[in-house]
Amino acid sequence: MSDQPIKIRGVSPYCHWSQTPECVDPKFNPSEQELVDLGVIETTGYGGTYGMGGPGFVRLDLSNGMALVVCVWAATGWMTLNGNLIEDNDDSEALSSIEGFKIQAYDCKEKSLVILLGDETKSFTLSIDENPSKRPVWRGTGEPKIITGDLRKGVIYFSSKFITQI
């Protein structure tokens, strides 16, 4: 396997990637069994960007050397952490609050995502609500955000050593 990184490129609402010939394909929508009991080592709400206004995917680097990436354009504007829109808080601070905790449950459906994390003393729910009326609204129009595709095609899982920001 080559040490060349996969370059995550954002195309709303899902991602496309290029990869080295030796690299295994990223897996879309991993099973709950693959993720439960893995610790979150590092997080970002700026995945897929070089710092000048990129796609803003949410990435969780996991204790097994893999990464779980939510490839929704400006994902922190869609996702909540314990019911609070991540975008409305300091993205980095909100996401970093789950670092060091284990994934307890994972459920990704066509129009929703729920990741439960925590330990014996704390619990967190990272989610995109299935009900559009409970999702954040677009700032310009005030309309609820609608998922037009299948969210299961927008969550990928693969080796974090093959991720680079572009």
Foldseek 3Di string as FASTA:
>chain_A
DDLAAWQWAADAAAIDIDDDPVFDDWDFQDAFVVAFFWFFAAWFQQFQAPPDDGQRWIWTQTPVQKIKIQRGRSVLLQKDKQLHRCVVDPVRVSVCVRHPWGFHGWDFWQQKTWTWTHDPPDIMIIMGDNDQVSTAADPPPRGGDGDPGGSSNRITMGRPSNYDHD
